[in-house]
Amino acid sequence: MSERFFSRAFHRSTGLPPYHYLTFRRIKCAKALVHSTGLPLVEVELHGGFRSYDRFAAMFRRLVGTSPRRFRGVECPRGEPRCAKSRRRRAWFGACA
């Protein structure tokens, strides 16, 4: 199977390209770790598979809407971890814990 065929088939079935899906899954995992553990953020970054803290923090901020440090203490009124801003992202990140 070629890379292009896989990418197109994956996009058709999930609605996202493989890279975006993987990034969303990594950030979802990081959200759970940041919210439920006392691990240092550098450790969370390593567990999430990011190569550098700067890249992790920038991606987290872009997708979640706040920095990892601020997210650690913020919750939604429903008691769930803070959700991302857009509806599409909320579908991927809403049920993280």
PDB file of N, CA and C in Angstrom:
ATOM      1  N   MET A   1       0.854  -1.165   0.000  1.00  0.00           N
ATOM      2  CA  MET A   1       0.000   0.000   0.000  1.00  0.00           C
ATOM      3  C   MET A   1       0.905   1.233   0.000  1.00  0.00           C
ATOM      4  N   SER A   2       0.604   2.159  -0.866  1.00  0.00           N
ATOM      5  CA  SER A   2       1.430   3.360  -0.945  1.00  0.00           C
ATOM      6  C   SER A   2       1.055   4.336   0.173  1.00  0.00           C
ATOM      7  N   GLU A   3       1.982   5.238   0.458  1.00  0.00           N
ATOM      8  CA  GLU A   3       1.762   6.242   1.493  1.00  0.00           C
ATOM      9  C   GLU A   3       0.577   7.136   1.133  1.00  0.00           C
ATOM     10  N   ARG A   4       0.493   7.524  -0.113  1.00  0.00           N
ATOM     11  CA  ARG A   4      -0.608   8.395  -0.556  1.00  0.00           C
ATOM     12  C   ARG A   4      -1.957   7.690  -0.431  1.00  0.00           C
ATOM     13  N   PHE A   5      -2.030   6.423  -0.829  1.00  0.00           N
ATOM     14  CA  PHE A   5      -3.278   5.683  -0.727  1.00  0.00           C
ATOM     15  C   PHE A   5      -3.710   5.566   0.734  1.00  0.00           C
ATOM     16  N   PHE A   6      -2.749   5.228   1.595  1.00  0.00           N
ATOM     17  CA  PHE A   6      -3.055   5.117   3.020  1.00  0.00           C
ATOM     18  C   PHE A   6      -3.560   6.444   3.570  1.00  0.00           C
ATOM     19  N   SER A   7      -2.872   7.519   3.244  1.00  0.00           N
ATOM     20  CA  SER A   7      -3.248   8.831   3.748  1.00  0.00           C
ATOM     21  C   SER A   7      -4.665   9.215   3.319  1.00  0.00           C
ATOM     22  N   ARG A   8      -4.976   8.987   2.067  1.00  0.00           N
ATOM     23  CA  ARG A   8      -6.319   9.333   1.568  1.00  0.00           C
ATOM     24  C   ARG A   8      -7.391   8.452   2.201  1.00  0.00           C
ATOM     25  N   ALA A   9      -7.125   7.153   2.339  1.00  0.00           N
ATOM     26  CA  ALA A   9      -8.089   6.241   2.954  1.00  0.00           C
ATOM     27  C   ALA A   9      -8.287   6.580   4.431  1.00  0.00           C
ATOM     28  N   PHE A  10      -7.196   6.903   5.112  1.00  0.00           N
ATOM     29  CA  PHE A  10      -7.271   7.278   6.522  1.00  0.00           C
ATOM     30  C   PHE A  10      -8.092   8.551   6.683  1.00  0.00           C
ATOM     31  N   HIS A  11      -7.829   9.533   5.832  1.00  0.00           N
ATOM     32  CA  HIS A  11      -8.556  10.798   5.880  1.00  0.00           C
ATOM     33  C   HIS A  11     -10.046  10.579   5.637  1.00  0.00           C
ATOM     34  N   ARG A  12     -10.365   9.718   4.690  1.00  0.00           N
ATOM     35  CA  ARG A  12     -11.770   9.416   4.408  1.00  0.00           C
ATOM     36  C   ARG A  12     -12.455   8.767   5.609  1.00  0.00           C
ATOM     37  N   SER A  13     -11.776   7.882   6.290  1.00  0.00           N
ATOM     38  CA  SER A  13     -12.415   7.150   7.385  1.00  0.00           C
ATOM     39  C   SER A  13     -12.463   7.925   8.702  1.00  0.00           C
ATOM     40  N   THR A  14     -11.479   8.799   8.953  1.00  0.00           N
ATOM     41  CA  THR A  14     -11.448   9.528  10.231  1.00  0.00           C
ATOM     42  C   THR A  14     -11.821  10.995  10.105  1.00  0.00           C
ATOM     43  N   GLY A  15     -11.727  11.527   8.904  1.00  0.00           N
ATOM     44  CA  GLY A  15     -11.989  12.953   8.717  1.00  0.00           C
ATOM     45  C   GLY A  15     -10.764  13.825   8.933  1.00  0.00           C
ATOM     46  N   LEU A  16      -9.628  13.200   9.234  1.00  0.00           N
ATOM     47  CA  LEU A  16      -8.391  13.933   9.486  1.00  0.00           C
ATOM     48  C   LEU A  16      -7.226  13.239   8.793  1.00  0.00           C
ATOM     49  N   PRO A  17      -6.235  14.009   8.365  1.00  0.00           N
ATOM     50  CA  PRO A  17      -5.013  13.387   7.854  1.00  0.00           C
ATOM     51  C   PRO A  17      -4.299  12.667   8.999  1.00  0.00           C
ATOM     52  N   PRO A  18      -3.482  11.661   8.696  1.00  0.00           N
ATOM     53  CA  PRO A  18      -2.803  10.892   9.750  1.00  0.00           C
ATOM     54  C   PRO A  18      -1.996  11.760  10.728  1.00  0.00           C
ATOM     55  N   TYR A  19      -1.280  12.750  10.211  1.00  0.00           N
ATOM     56  CA  TYR A  19      -0.470  13.594  11.092  1.00  0.00           C
ATOM     57  C   TYR A  19      -1.336  14.353  12.088  1.00  0.00           C
ATOM     58  N   HIS A  20      -2.443  14.917  11.629  1.00  0.00           N
ATOM     59  CA  HIS A  20      -3.329  15.653  12.531  1.00  0.00           C
ATOM     60  C   HIS A  20      -3.969  14.721  13.551  1.00  0.00           C
ATOM     61  N   TYR A  21      -4.373  13.543  13.112  1.00  0.00           N
ATOM     62  CA  TYR A  21      -4.964  12.574  14.022  1.00  0.00           C
ATOM     63  C   TYR A  21      -3.969  12.214  15.116  1.00  0.00           C
ATOM     64  N   LEU A  22      -2.729  11.936  14.732  1.00  0.00           N
ATOM     65  CA  LEU A  22      -1.702  11.584  15.701  1.00  0.00           C
ATOM     66  C   LEU A  22      -1.436  12.743  16.667  1.00  0.00           C
ATOM     67  N   THR A  23      -1.378  13.948  16.156  1.00  0.00           N
ATOM     68  CA  THR A  23      -1.171  15.113  17.011  1.00  0.00           C
ATOM     69  C   THR A  23      -2.325  15.273  17.989  1.00  0.00           C
ATOM     70  N   PHE A  24      -3.568  15.135  17.509  1.00  0.00           N
ATOM     71  CA  PHE A  24      -4.730  15.243  18.396  1.00  0.00           C
ATOM     72  C   PHE A  24      -4.676  14.168  19.485  1.00  0.00           C
ATOM     73  N   ARG A  25      -4.298  12.951  19.126  1.00  0.00           N
ATOM     74  CA  ARG A  25      -4.211  11.870  20.119  1.00  0.00           C
ATOM     75  C   ARG A  25      -3.119  12.163  21.145  1.00  0.00           C
ATOM     76  N   ARG A  26      -1.994  12.696  20.696  1.00  0.00           N
ATOM     77  CA  ARG A  26      -0.908  13.035  21.624  1.00  0.00           C
ATOM     78  C   ARG A  26      -1.333  14.130  22.591  1.00  0.00           C
ATOM     79  N   ILE A  27      -2.004  15.146  22.079  1.00  0.00           N
ATOM     80  CA  ILE A  27      -2.459  16.234  22.939  1.00  0.00           C
ATOM     81  C   ILE A  27      -3.544  15.739  23.890  1.00  0.00           C
ATOM     82  N   LYS A  28      -4.416  14.861  23.430  1.00  0.00           N
ATOM     83  CA  LYS A  28      -5.455  14.301  24.303  1.00  0.00           C
ATOM     84  C   LYS A  28      -4.812  13.551  25.463  1.00  0.00           C
ATOM     85  N   CYS A  29      -3.792  12.767  25.175  1.00  0.00           N
ATOM     86  CA  CYS A  29      -3.053  12.056  26.216  1.00  0.00           C
ATOM     87  C   CYS A  29      -2.380  13.050  27.167  1.00  0.00           C
ATOM     88  N   ALA A  30      -1.771  14.078  26.603  1.00  0.00           N
ATOM     89  CA  ALA A  30      -1.104  15.094  27.420  1.00  0.00           C
ATOM     90  C   ALA A  30      -2.109  15.818  28.315  1.00  0.00           C
ATOM     91  N   LYS A  31      -3.308  16.116  27.789  1.00  0.00           N
ATOM     92  CA  LYS A  31      -4.331  16.763  28.609  1.00  0.00           C
ATOM     93  C   LYS A  31      -4.683  15.918  29.819  1.00  0.00           C
ATOM     94  N   ALA A  32      -4.833  14.623  29.609  1.00  0.00           N
ATOM     95  CA  ALA A  32      -5.163  13.730  30.714  1.00  0.00           C
ATOM     96  C   ALA A  32      -4.036  13.709  31.742  1.00  0.00           C
ATOM     97  N   LEU A  33      -2.791  13.647  31.278  1.00  0.00           N
ATOM     98  CA  LEU A  33      -1.648  13.629  32.197  1.00  0.00           C
ATOM     99  C   LEU A  33      -1.504  14.947  32.952  1.00  0.00           C
ATOM    100  N   VAL A  34      -1.677  16.051  32.263  1.00  0.00           N
ATOM    101  CA  VAL A  34      -1.556  17.363  32.908  1.00  0.00           C
ATOM    102  C   VAL A  34      -2.641  17.523  33.962  1.00  0.00           C
ATOM    103  N   HIS A  35      -3.846  17.101  33.627  1.00  0.00           N
ATOM    104  CA  HIS A  35      -4.991  17.297  34.519  1.00  0.00           C
ATOM    105  C   HIS A  35      -4.978  16.351  35.712  1.00  0.00           C
ATOM    106  N   SER A  36      -4.563  15.100  35.508  1.00  0.00           N
ATOM    107  CA  SER A  36      -4.756  14.103  36.563  1.00  0.00           C
ATOM    108  C   SER A  36      -3.491  13.706  37.316  1.00  0.00           C
ATOM    109  N   THR A  37      -2.327  14.137  36.861  1.00  0.00           N
ATOM    110  CA  THR A  37      -1.085  13.764  37.551  1.00  0.00           C
ATOM    111  C   THR A  37      -0.314  15.017  37.924  1.00  0.00           C
ATOM    112  N   GLY A  38       0.638  14.838  38.770  1.00  0.00           N
ATOM    113  CA  GLY A  38       1.509  15.944  39.155  1.00  0.00           C
ATOM    114  C   GLY A  38       2.837  15.910  38.430  1.00  0.00           C
ATOM    115  N   LEU A  39       2.883  15.168  37.331  1.00  0.00           N
ATOM    116  CA  LEU A  39       4.135  15.084  36.564  1.00  0.00           C
ATOM    117  C   LEU A  39       4.581  16.465  36.100  1.00  0.00           C
ATOM    118  N   PRO A  40       5.883  16.721  36.109  1.00  0.00           N
ATOM    119  CA  PRO A  40       6.371  17.969  35.520  1.00  0.00           C
ATOM    120  C   PRO A  40       5.992  18.021  34.037  1.00  0.00           C
ATOM    121  N   LEU A  41       5.775  19.194  33.519  1.00  0.00           N
ATOM    122  CA  LEU A  41       5.340  19.340  32.135  1.00  0.00           C
ATOM    123  C   LEU A  41       6.358  18.792  31.143  1.00  0.00           C
ATOM    124  N   VAL A  42       7.624  18.812  31.501  1.00  0.00           N
ATOM    125  CA  VAL A  42       8.648  18.237  30.621  1.00  0.00           C
ATOM    126  C   VAL A  42       8.441  16.728  30.518  1.00  0.00           C
ATOM    127  N   GLU A  43       8.057  16.084  31.615  1.00  0.00           N
ATOM    128  CA  GLU A  43       7.772  14.652  31.581  1.00  0.00           C
ATOM    129  C   GLU A  43       6.531  14.363  30.738  1.00  0.00           C
ATOM    130  N   VAL A  44       5.530  15.208  30.865  1.00  0.00           N
ATOM    131  CA  VAL A  44       4.307  15.043  30.059  1.00  0.00           C
ATOM    132  C   VAL A  44       4.659  15.140  28.584  1.00  0.00           C
ATOM    133  N   GLU A  45       5.498  16.081  28.247  1.00  0.00           N
ATOM    134  CA  GLU A  45       5.939  16.260  26.857  1.00  0.00           C
ATOM    135  C   GLU A  45       6.638  15.008  26.342  1.00  0.00           C
ATOM    136  N   LEU A  46       7.480  14.408  27.151  1.00  0.00           N
ATOM    137  CA  LEU A  46       8.180  13.194  26.741  1.00  0.00           C
ATOM    138  C   LEU A  46       7.219  12.013  26.592  1.00  0.00           C
ATOM    139  N   HIS A  47       6.278  11.871  27.517  1.00  0.00           N
ATOM    140  CA  HIS A  47       5.296  10.791  27.423  1.00  0.00           C
ATOM    141  C   HIS A  47       4.401  10.957  26.202  1.00  0.00           C
ATOM    142  N   GLY A  48       4.168  12.198  25.799  1.00  0.00           N
ATOM    143  CA  GLY A  48       3.306  12.459  24.653  1.00  0.00           C
ATOM    144  C   GLY A  48       3.991  12.255  23.314  1.00  0.00           C
ATOM    145  N   GLY A  49       5.292  12.077  23.313  1.00  0.00           N
ATOM    146  CA  GLY A  49       6.006  11.816  22.069  1.00  0.00           C
ATOM    147  C   GLY A  49       6.454  13.061  21.333  1.00  0.00           C
ATOM    148  N   PHE A  50       6.482  14.192  21.994  1.00  0.00           N
ATOM    149  CA  PHE A  50       6.957  15.423  21.358  1.00  0.00           C
ATOM    150  C   PHE A  50       8.464  15.525  21.506  1.00  0.00           C
ATOM    151  N   ARG A  51       9.107  16.134  20.551  1.00  0.00           N
ATOM    152  CA  ARG A  51      10.571  16.207  20.552  1.00  0.00           C
ATOM    153  C   ARG A  51      11.115  17.318  21.429  1.00  0.00           C
ATOM    154  N   SER A  52      10.336  18.379  21.620  1.00  0.00           N
ATOM    155  CA  SER A  52      10.799  19.476  22.462  1.00  0.00           C
ATOM    156  C   SER A  52       9.624  20.071  23.227  1.00  0.00           C
ATOM    157  N   TYR A  53       9.945  20.666  24.376  1.00  0.00           N
ATOM    158  CA  TYR A  53       8.890  21.274  25.176  1.00  0.00           C
ATOM    159  C   TYR A  53       8.261  22.448  24.436  1.00  0.00           C
ATOM    160  N   ASP A  54       9.063  23.218  23.726  1.00  0.00           N
ATOM    161  CA  ASP A  54       8.529  24.377  23.005  1.00  0.00           C
ATOM    162  C   ASP A  54       7.485  23.958  21.975  1.00  0.00           C
ATOM    163  N   ARG A  55       7.779  22.903  21.246  1.00  0.00           N
ATOM    164  CA  ARG A  55       6.831  22.401  20.242  1.00  0.00           C
ATOM    165  C   ARG A  55       5.556  21.878  20.918  1.00  0.00           C
ATOM    166  N   PHE A  56       5.724  21.159  22.007  1.00  0.00           N
ATOM    167  CA  PHE A  56       4.586  20.646  22.761  1.00  0.00           C
ATOM    168  C   PHE A  56       3.711  21.785  23.285  1.00  0.00           C
ATOM    169  N   ALA A  57       4.328  22.775  23.915  1.00  0.00           N
ATOM    170  CA  ALA A  57       3.568  23.883  24.494  1.00  0.00           C
ATOM    171  C   ALA A  57       2.830  24.673  23.409  1.00  0.00           C
ATOM    172  N   ALA A  58       3.485  24.904  22.270  1.00  0.00           N
ATOM    173  CA  ALA A  58       2.845  25.648  21.182  1.00  0.00           C
ATOM    174  C   ALA A  58       1.663  24.871  20.611  1.00  0.00           C
ATOM    175  N   MET A  59       1.822  23.581  20.400  1.00  0.00           N
ATOM    176  CA  MET A  59       0.737  22.758  19.867  1.00  0.00           C
ATOM    177  C   MET A  59      -0.400  22.647  20.874  1.00  0.00           C
ATOM    178  N   PHE A  60      -0.076  22.482  22.151  1.00  0.00           N
ATOM    179  CA  PHE A  60      -1.087  22.399  23.203  1.00  0.00           C
ATOM    180  C   PHE A  60      -1.902  23.696  23.242  1.00  0.00           C
ATOM    181  N   ARG A  61      -1.208  24.818  23.207  1.00  0.00           N
ATOM    182  CA  ARG A  61      -1.873  26.122  23.245  1.00  0.00           C
ATOM    183  C   ARG A  61      -2.766  26.318  22.027  1.00  0.00           C
ATOM    184  N   ARG A  62      -2.294  25.903  20.870  1.00  0.00           N
ATOM    185  CA  ARG A  62      -3.076  26.071  19.641  1.00  0.00           C
ATOM    186  C   ARG A  62      -4.341  25.215  19.647  1.00  0.00           C
ATOM    187  N   LEU A  63      -4.240  23.974  20.100  1.00  0.00           N
ATOM    188  CA  LEU A  63      -5.372  23.058  20.043  1.00  0.00           C
ATOM    189  C   LEU A  63      -6.313  23.151  21.235  1.00  0.00           C
ATOM    190  N   VAL A  64      -5.779  23.433  22.406  1.00  0.00           N
ATOM    191  CA  VAL A  64      -6.603  23.464  23.613  1.00  0.00           C
ATOM    192  C   VAL A  64      -7.075  24.881  23.937  1.00  0.00           C
ATOM    193  N   GLY A  65      -6.288  25.877  23.563  1.00  0.00           N
ATOM    194  CA  GLY A  65      -6.692  27.260  23.791  1.00  0.00           C
ATOM    195  C   GLY A  65      -6.032  27.896  24.997  1.00  0.00           C
ATOM    196  N   THR A  66      -5.167  27.176  25.679  1.00  0.00           N
ATOM    197  CA  THR A  66      -4.439  27.718  26.823  1.00  0.00           C
ATOM    198  C   THR A  66      -3.129  26.956  26.974  1.00  0.00           C
ATOM    199  N   SER A  67      -2.225  27.488  27.758  1.00  0.00           N
ATOM    200  CA  SER A  67      -0.936  26.820  27.953  1.00  0.00           C
ATOM    201  C   SER A  67      -1.110  25.610  28.873  1.00  0.00           C
ATOM    202  N   PRO A  68      -0.195  24.655  28.799  1.00  0.00           N
ATOM    203  CA  PRO A  68      -0.292  23.491  29.680  1.00  0.00           C
ATOM    204  C   PRO A  68      -0.275  23.881  31.164  1.00  0.00           C
ATOM    205  N   ARG A  69       0.515  24.865  31.506  1.00  0.00           N
ATOM    206  CA  ARG A  69       0.610  25.295  32.900  1.00  0.00           C
ATOM    207  C   ARG A  69      -0.715  25.861  33.397  1.00  0.00           C
ATOM    208  N   ARG A  70      -1.355  26.679  32.587  1.00  0.00           N
ATOM    209  CA  ARG A  70      -2.655  27.232  32.986  1.00  0.00           C
ATOM    210  C   ARG A  70      -3.748  26.169  32.971  1.00  0.00           C
ATOM    211  N   PHE A  71      -3.667  25.247  32.037  1.00  0.00           N
ATOM    212  CA  PHE A  71      -4.669  24.186  31.940  1.00  0.00           C
ATOM    213  C   PHE A  71      -4.688  23.314  33.187  1.00  0.00           C
ATOM    214  N   ARG A  72      -3.536  23.139  33.798  1.00  0.00           N
ATOM    215  CA  ARG A  72      -3.424  22.259  34.962  1.00  0.00           C
ATOM    216  C   ARG A  72      -4.416  22.629  36.068  1.00  0.00           C
ATOM    217  N   GLY A  73      -4.726  23.908  36.222  1.00  0.00           N
ATOM    218  CA  GLY A  73      -5.632  24.314  37.302  1.00  0.00           C
ATOM    219  C   GLY A  73      -7.017  24.731  36.850  1.00  0.00           C
ATOM    220  N   VAL A  74      -7.343  24.630  35.563  1.00  0.00           N
ATOM    221  CA  VAL A  74      -8.620  25.120  35.047  1.00  0.00           C
ATOM    222  C   VAL A  74      -9.556  23.960  34.740  1.00  0.00           C
ATOM    223  N   GLU A  75     -10.835  24.088  35.125  1.00  0.00           N
ATOM    224  CA  GLU A  75     -11.848  23.096  34.787  1.00  0.00           C
ATOM    225  C   GLU A  75     -13.083  23.791  34.253  1.00  0.00           C
ATOM    226  N   CYS A  76     -13.881  23.049  33.478  1.00  0.00           N
ATOM    227  CA  CYS A  76     -15.166  23.544  33.000  1.00  0.00           C
ATOM    228  C   CYS A  76     -16.168  23.494  34.148  1.00  0.00           C
ATOM    229  N   PRO A  77     -17.276  24.233  34.043  1.00  0.00           N
ATOM    230  CA  PRO A  77     -18.303  24.187  35.079  1.00  0.00           C
ATOM    231  C   PRO A  77     -18.845  22.781  35.316  1.00  0.00           C
ATOM    232  N   ARG A  78     -18.846  21.923  34.301  1.00  0.00           N
ATOM    233  CA  ARG A  78     -19.366  20.563  34.443  1.00  0.00           C
ATOM    234  C   ARG A  78     -18.378  19.656  35.155  1.00  0.00           C
ATOM    235  N   GLY A  79     -17.218  20.164  35.512  1.00  0.00           N
ATOM    236  CA  GLY A  79     -16.218  19.352  36.163  1.00  0.00           C
ATOM    237  C   GLY A  79     -15.322  18.595  35.206  1.00  0.00           C
ATOM    238  N   GLU A  80     -15.507  18.779  33.902  1.00  0.00           N
ATOM    239  CA  GLU A  80     -14.667  18.118  32.909  1.00  0.00           C
ATOM    240  C   GLU A  80     -13.459  18.994  32.635  1.00  0.00           C
ATOM    241  N   PRO A  81     -12.376  18.390  32.142  1.00  0.00           N
ATOM    242  CA  PRO A  81     -11.234  19.209  31.748  1.00  0.00           C
ATOM    243  C   PRO A  81     -11.648  20.227  30.684  1.00  0.00           C
ATOM    244  N   ARG A  82     -10.986  21.330  30.685  1.00  0.00           N
ATOM    245  CA  ARG A  82     -11.313  22.402  29.747  1.00  0.00           C
ATOM    246  C   ARG A  82     -11.291  21.911  28.302  1.00  0.00           C
ATOM    247  N   CYS A  83     -12.310  22.278  27.530  1.00  0.00           N
ATOM    248  CA  CYS A  83     -12.441  21.845  26.146  1.00  0.00           C
ATOM    249  C   CYS A  83     -11.827  22.884  25.212  1.00  0.00           C
ATOM    250  N   ALA A  84     -11.521  22.460  24.009  1.00  0.00           N
ATOM    251  CA  ALA A  84     -10.991  23.371  22.994  1.00  0.00           C
ATOM    252  C   ALA A  84     -12.102  24.274  22.486  1.00  0.00           C
ATOM    253  N   LYS A  85     -11.744  25.279  21.738  1.00  0.00           N
ATOM    254  CA  LYS A  85     -12.702  26.290  21.304  1.00  0.00           C
ATOM    255  C   LYS A  85     -13.634  25.825  20.192  1.00  0.00           C
ATOM    256  N   SER A  86     -13.111  25.235  19.160  1.00  0.00           N
ATOM    257  CA  SER A  86     -13.947  24.934  18.005  1.00  0.00           C
ATOM    258  C   SER A  86     -14.710  23.627  18.187  1.00  0.00           C
ATOM    259  N   ARG A  87     -15.823  23.489  17.477  1.00  0.00           N
ATOM    260  CA  ARG A  87     -16.639  22.276  17.582  1.00  0.00           C
ATOM    261  C   ARG A  87     -15.902  21.047  17.102  1.00  0.00           C
ATOM    262  N   ARG A  88     -15.160  21.165  16.020  1.00  0.00           N
ATOM    263  CA  ARG A  88     -14.443  20.009  15.481  1.00  0.00           C
ATOM    264  C   ARG A  88     -13.400  19.513  16.472  1.00  0.00           C
ATOM    265  N   ARG A  89     -12.680  20.432  17.053  1.00  0.00           N
ATOM    266  CA  ARG A  89     -11.682  20.041  18.029  1.00  0.00           C
ATOM    267  C   ARG A  89     -12.347  19.505  19.290  1.00  0.00           C
ATOM    268  N   ARG A  90     -13.469  20.092  19.687  1.00  0.00           N
ATOM    269  CA  ARG A  90     -14.162  19.655  20.893  1.00  0.00           C
ATOM    270  C   ARG A  90     -14.592  18.198  20.768  1.00  0.00           C
ATOM    271  N   ALA A  91     -14.950  17.773  19.556  1.00  0.00           N
ATOM    272  CA  ALA A  91     -15.329  16.374  19.360  1.00  0.00           C
ATOM    273  C   ALA A  91     -14.171  15.447  19.695  1.00  0.00           C
ATOM    274  N   TRP A  92     -12.945  15.870  19.406  1.00  0.00           N
ATOM    275  CA  TRP A  92     -11.785  15.035  19.688  1.00  0.00           C
ATOM    276  C   TRP A  92     -11.310  15.175  21.117  1.00  0.00           C
ATOM    277  N   PHE A  93     -11.483  16.344  21.729  1.00  0.00           N
ATOM    278  CA  PHE A  93     -10.901  16.595  23.031  1.00  0.00           C
ATOM    279  C   PHE A  93     -11.904  16.622  24.168  1.00  0.00           C
ATOM    280  N   GLY A  94     -13.189  16.637  23.885  1.00  0.00           N
ATOM    281  CA  GLY A  94     -14.194  16.821  24.917  1.00  0.00           C
ATOM    282  C   GLY A  94     -14.190  15.759  26.008  1.00  0.00           C
ATOM    283  N   ALA A  95     -13.974  14.523  25.685  1.00  0.00           N
ATOM    284  CA  ALA A  95     -14.079  13.438  26.653  1.00  0.00           C
ATOM    285  C   ALA A  95     -12.706  12.927  27.043  1.00  0.00           C
ATOM    286  N   CYS A  96     -11.871  13.794  27.530  1.00  0.00           N
ATOM    287  CA  CYS A  96     -10.512  13.407  27.884  1.00  0.00           C
ATOM    288  C   CYS A  96     -10.364  13.375  29.394  1.00  0.00           C
ATOM    289  N   ALA A  97     -10.108  12.233  29.917  1.00  0.00           N
ATOM    290  CA  ALA A  97      -9.795  12.100  31.347  1.00  0.00           C
ATOM    291  C   ALA A  97      -9.453  10.667  31.660  1.00  0.00           C
TER     292      ALA A  97
END
